[in-house]
Amino acid sequence: MVKKQILNPVASVFKKYVRNVNFKKIDSNLNLSILNSRWDSMNRISTLLQKKLISNSLIDEIKVFRINHSEPTDQNLLNHVTDWSHFAILGLGNWGACTAWSCHDGTEIANKGVSTILLITEAFKDLALATLDSRGIPDLPIYIFPHETEQMGIEELDPLVEDAVNSKIIPLIKET
């Protein structure tokens, strides 16, 4: 385990966030978990993520878990994800409950040393940021999709997922 201290430099003087997190040290294989909130668009996004990340050769194995989007993920599953994974992607925060629970689960996973990113739609960005702030990790990485993802086909989602992979996910994986 590599110990890192994370500070939030933009926090108010009354609320400084300091987390001491033991990030997992990667010896060889890099394992990634996708927690899929079962939106049809997230099913398509998940398929695209898997293809792009495996072809990129940065990830050795990907597991996709389909979770209920309107309640917290089962603690046993969260424990499995944190035990097995080096990196986790959670989404899609596309309405109130799924956004709040994605933030909840994402902070639980991140606090156990797994690099984490949330996929959120633009309509729920403020809710995601407020939830992350209230859970003490306002700087947890998020990628913002257009809110119309449910109406988008795989061809329309492909460039958005490509951007998410290249601008947020790969840099986070390389930091891991």
Protein backbone atom coordinates (compact mmCIF):
# COMPACT_ATOMS: atom_id res chain seq x y z
CA MET A 1 0.00 0.00 0.00
CA VAL A 2 1.15 3.50 -0.85
CA LYS A 3 0.09 6.07 1.71
CA LYS A 4 -1.04 9.44 0.39
CA GLN A 5 -2.50 12.42 2.15
CA ILE A 6 -5.15 14.25 0.16
CA LEU A 7 -5.89 17.88 0.91
CA ASN A 8 -8.61 20.02 -0.60
CA PRO A 9 -6.93 23.38 -1.26
CA VAL A 10 -10.20 25.16 -2.04
CA ALA A 11 -12.04 24.15 1.13
CA SER A 12 -13.11 26.95 3.44
CA VAL A 13 -11.03 27.69 6.52
CA PHE A 14 -13.83 26.18 8.57
CA LYS A 15 -13.92 22.89 6.72
CA LYS A 16 -10.56 21.53 5.61
CA TYR A 17 -10.70 18.07 4.14
CA VAL A 18 -7.79 15.88 5.05
CA ARG A 19 -7.92 12.21 4.25
CA ASN A 20 -5.17 9.74 4.88
CA VAL A 21 -5.80 7.03 2.35
CA ASN A 22 -3.71 3.97 1.71
CA PHE A 23 -4.00 3.56 -2.06
CA LYS A 24 -3.44 0.05 -3.31
CA LYS A 25 0.00 -0.58 -4.72
CA ILE A 26 -0.18 -2.20 -8.13
CA ASP A 27 2.25 -5.05 -8.54
CA SER A 28 1.22 -6.43 -11.92
CA ASN A 29 -2.41 -6.78 -13.02
CA LEU A 30 -4.68 -3.75 -12.99
CA ASN A 31 -8.27 -4.63 -12.14
CA LEU A 32 -11.17 -2.31 -12.83
CA SER A 33 -14.76 -2.51 -11.58
CA ILE A 34 -17.68 -0.80 -13.24
CA LEU A 35 -20.72 -0.33 -11.02
CA ASN A 36 -23.55 0.02 -13.51
CA SER A 37 -26.74 1.62 -12.20
CA ARG A 38 -28.82 -0.19 -14.85
CA TRP A 39 -29.80 2.80 -16.94
CA ASP A 40 -30.01 1.71 -20.58
CA SER A 41 -27.49 4.41 -21.45
CA MET A 42 -25.11 3.13 -18.76
CA ASN A 43 -25.33 -0.34 -20.27
CA ARG A 44 -24.17 1.18 -23.57
CA ILE A 45 -21.53 3.32 -21.84
CA SER A 46 -20.26 0.29 -19.93
CA THR A 47 -19.89 -1.73 -23.14
CA LEU A 48 -17.94 1.11 -24.76
CA LEU A 49 -15.74 1.58 -21.68
CA GLN A 50 -14.82 -2.09 -21.63
CA LYS A 51 -13.85 -2.11 -25.32
CA LYS A 52 -11.81 1.08 -25.07
CA LEU A 53 -10.01 0.24 -21.83
CA ILE A 54 -9.13 -3.35 -22.73
CA SER A 55 -7.88 -2.31 -26.20
CA ASN A 56 -5.81 0.39 -24.51
CA SER A 57 -3.82 -2.34 -22.68
CA LEU A 58 -3.83 -0.42 -19.38
CA ILE A 59 -6.42 -2.69 -17.78
CA ASP A 60 -5.95 -6.42 -17.34
CA GLU A 61 -9.41 -7.36 -16.16
CA ILE A 62 -12.78 -5.63 -15.90
CA LYS A 63 -15.77 -6.74 -13.84
CA VAL A 64 -19.15 -5.12 -14.34
CA PHE A 65 -21.64 -5.14 -11.47
CA ARG A 66 -25.24 -4.17 -12.13
CA ILE A 67 -26.50 -2.36 -9.05
CA ASN A 68 -29.83 -0.86 -8.03
CA HIS A 69 -29.77 2.82 -8.90
CA SER A 70 -32.08 3.97 -6.11
CA GLU A 71 -30.47 2.50 -3.01
CA PRO A 72 -27.03 1.91 -1.54
CA THR A 73 -25.02 -0.96 -2.93
CA ASP A 74 -24.83 -4.06 -0.77
CA GLN A 75 -21.87 -3.79 1.62
CA ASN A 76 -20.61 -7.26 0.67
CA LEU A 77 -20.40 -6.18 -2.96
CA LEU A 78 -18.63 -2.95 -2.01
CA ASN A 79 -16.15 -4.99 0.03
CA HIS A 80 -15.55 -7.30 -2.96
CA VAL A 81 -15.01 -4.30 -5.24
CA THR A 82 -12.52 -2.71 -2.84
CA ASP A 83 -10.68 -6.00 -2.26
CA TRP A 84 -10.35 -6.85 -5.96
CA SER A 85 -10.17 -3.50 -7.76
CA HIS A 86 -7.46 -0.93 -8.27
CA PHE A 87 -9.85 1.40 -10.05
CA ALA A 88 -13.64 1.84 -10.04
CA ILE A 89 -16.10 3.62 -12.34
CA LEU A 90 -19.60 4.29 -11.03
CA GLY A 91 -22.56 5.53 -13.02
CA LEU A 92 -24.74 6.73 -14.33
CA GLY A 93 -25.92 9.50 -12.05
CA ASN A 94 -28.85 10.44 -14.25
CA TRP A 95 -31.52 11.37 -11.66
CA GLY A 96 -31.56 12.30 -8.00
CA ALA A 97 -31.39 8.97 -6.20
CA CYS A 98 -28.90 7.31 -8.55
CA THR A 99 -26.65 10.38 -8.41
CA ALA A 100 -26.72 10.50 -4.60
CA TRP A 101 -26.12 6.76 -4.23
CA SER A 102 -23.35 6.78 -6.85
CA CYS A 103 -21.65 9.50 -4.79
CA HIS A 104 -22.23 7.54 -1.58
CA ASP A 105 -20.83 4.31 -3.01
CA GLY A 106 -17.99 6.11 -4.78
CA THR A 107 -16.81 7.77 -1.58
CA GLU A 108 -17.05 4.45 0.28
CA ILE A 109 -14.84 2.81 -2.35
CA ALA A 110 -12.40 5.75 -2.56
CA ASN A 111 -11.99 5.85 1.22
CA LYS A 112 -10.78 2.25 1.06
CA GLY A 113 -7.95 3.13 -1.31
CA VAL A 114 -9.45 2.45 -4.73
CA SER A 115 -9.11 5.21 -7.34
CA THR A 116 -12.66 6.13 -8.31
CA ILE A 117 -14.49 8.21 -10.90
CA LEU A 118 -18.19 8.99 -11.12
CA LEU A 119 -20.15 9.36 -14.35
CA ILE A 120 -22.89 11.97 -13.92
CA THR A 121 -25.22 13.82 -16.28
CA GLU A 122 -25.08 17.60 -16.42
CA ALA A 123 -28.54 18.02 -14.88
CA PHE A 124 -27.29 16.42 -11.64
CA LYS A 125 -23.79 17.89 -11.45
CA ASP A 126 -24.72 20.24 -8.59
CA LEU A 127 -26.29 17.40 -6.60
CA ALA A 128 -23.18 15.28 -7.15
CA LEU A 129 -20.85 18.08 -6.05
CA ALA A 130 -22.95 18.84 -2.96
CA THR A 131 -23.14 15.15 -2.03
CA LEU A 132 -19.40 14.65 -2.47
CA ASP A 133 -18.76 17.77 -0.38
CA SER A 134 -21.05 16.53 2.39
CA ARG A 135 -19.25 13.17 2.37
CA GLY A 136 -15.85 14.84 2.74
CA ILE A 137 -14.46 14.21 -0.76
CA PRO A 138 -15.41 17.23 -2.85
CA ASP A 139 -12.58 16.54 -5.29
CA LEU A 140 -13.57 12.98 -6.22
CA PRO A 141 -13.23 12.86 -10.01
CA ILE A 142 -16.41 13.06 -12.05
CA TYR A 143 -17.10 13.06 -15.76
CA ILE A 144 -20.16 14.95 -16.94
CA PHE A 145 -22.32 13.51 -19.72
CA PRO A 146 -25.20 15.36 -21.40
CA HIS A 147 -28.49 14.66 -19.63
CA GLU A 148 -29.99 13.21 -22.83
CA THR A 149 -27.93 10.01 -22.61
CA GLU A 150 -31.04 7.81 -22.43
CA GLN A 151 -32.03 8.96 -25.92
CA MET A 152 -28.52 8.47 -27.34
CA GLY A 153 -27.48 5.42 -29.28
CA ILE A 154 -24.09 3.79 -29.03
CA GLU A 155 -22.84 5.83 -32.02
CA GLU A 156 -23.69 9.10 -30.24
CA LEU A 157 -22.24 7.93 -26.93
CA ASP A 158 -19.00 6.66 -28.47
CA PRO A 159 -17.24 10.06 -28.80
CA LEU A 160 -18.37 11.02 -25.28
CA VAL A 161 -16.99 7.80 -23.82
CA GLU A 162 -13.80 8.26 -25.85
CA ASP A 163 -13.42 11.73 -24.30
CA ALA A 164 -14.12 10.37 -20.79
CA VAL A 165 -11.49 7.66 -21.28
CA ASN A 166 -8.84 10.00 -22.70
CA SER A 167 -9.43 13.09 -20.56
CA LYS A 168 -10.27 11.59 -17.15
CA ILE A 169 -10.03 7.81 -16.86
CA ILE A 170 -6.61 7.10 -18.42
CA PRO A 171 -4.93 9.95 -16.52
CA LEU A 172 -6.41 8.60 -13.27
CA ILE A 173 -5.30 5.07 -14.08
CA LYS A 174 -1.78 6.30 -14.83
CA GLU A 175 -1.75 8.08 -11.43
CA THR A 176 -2.79 4.85 -9.70
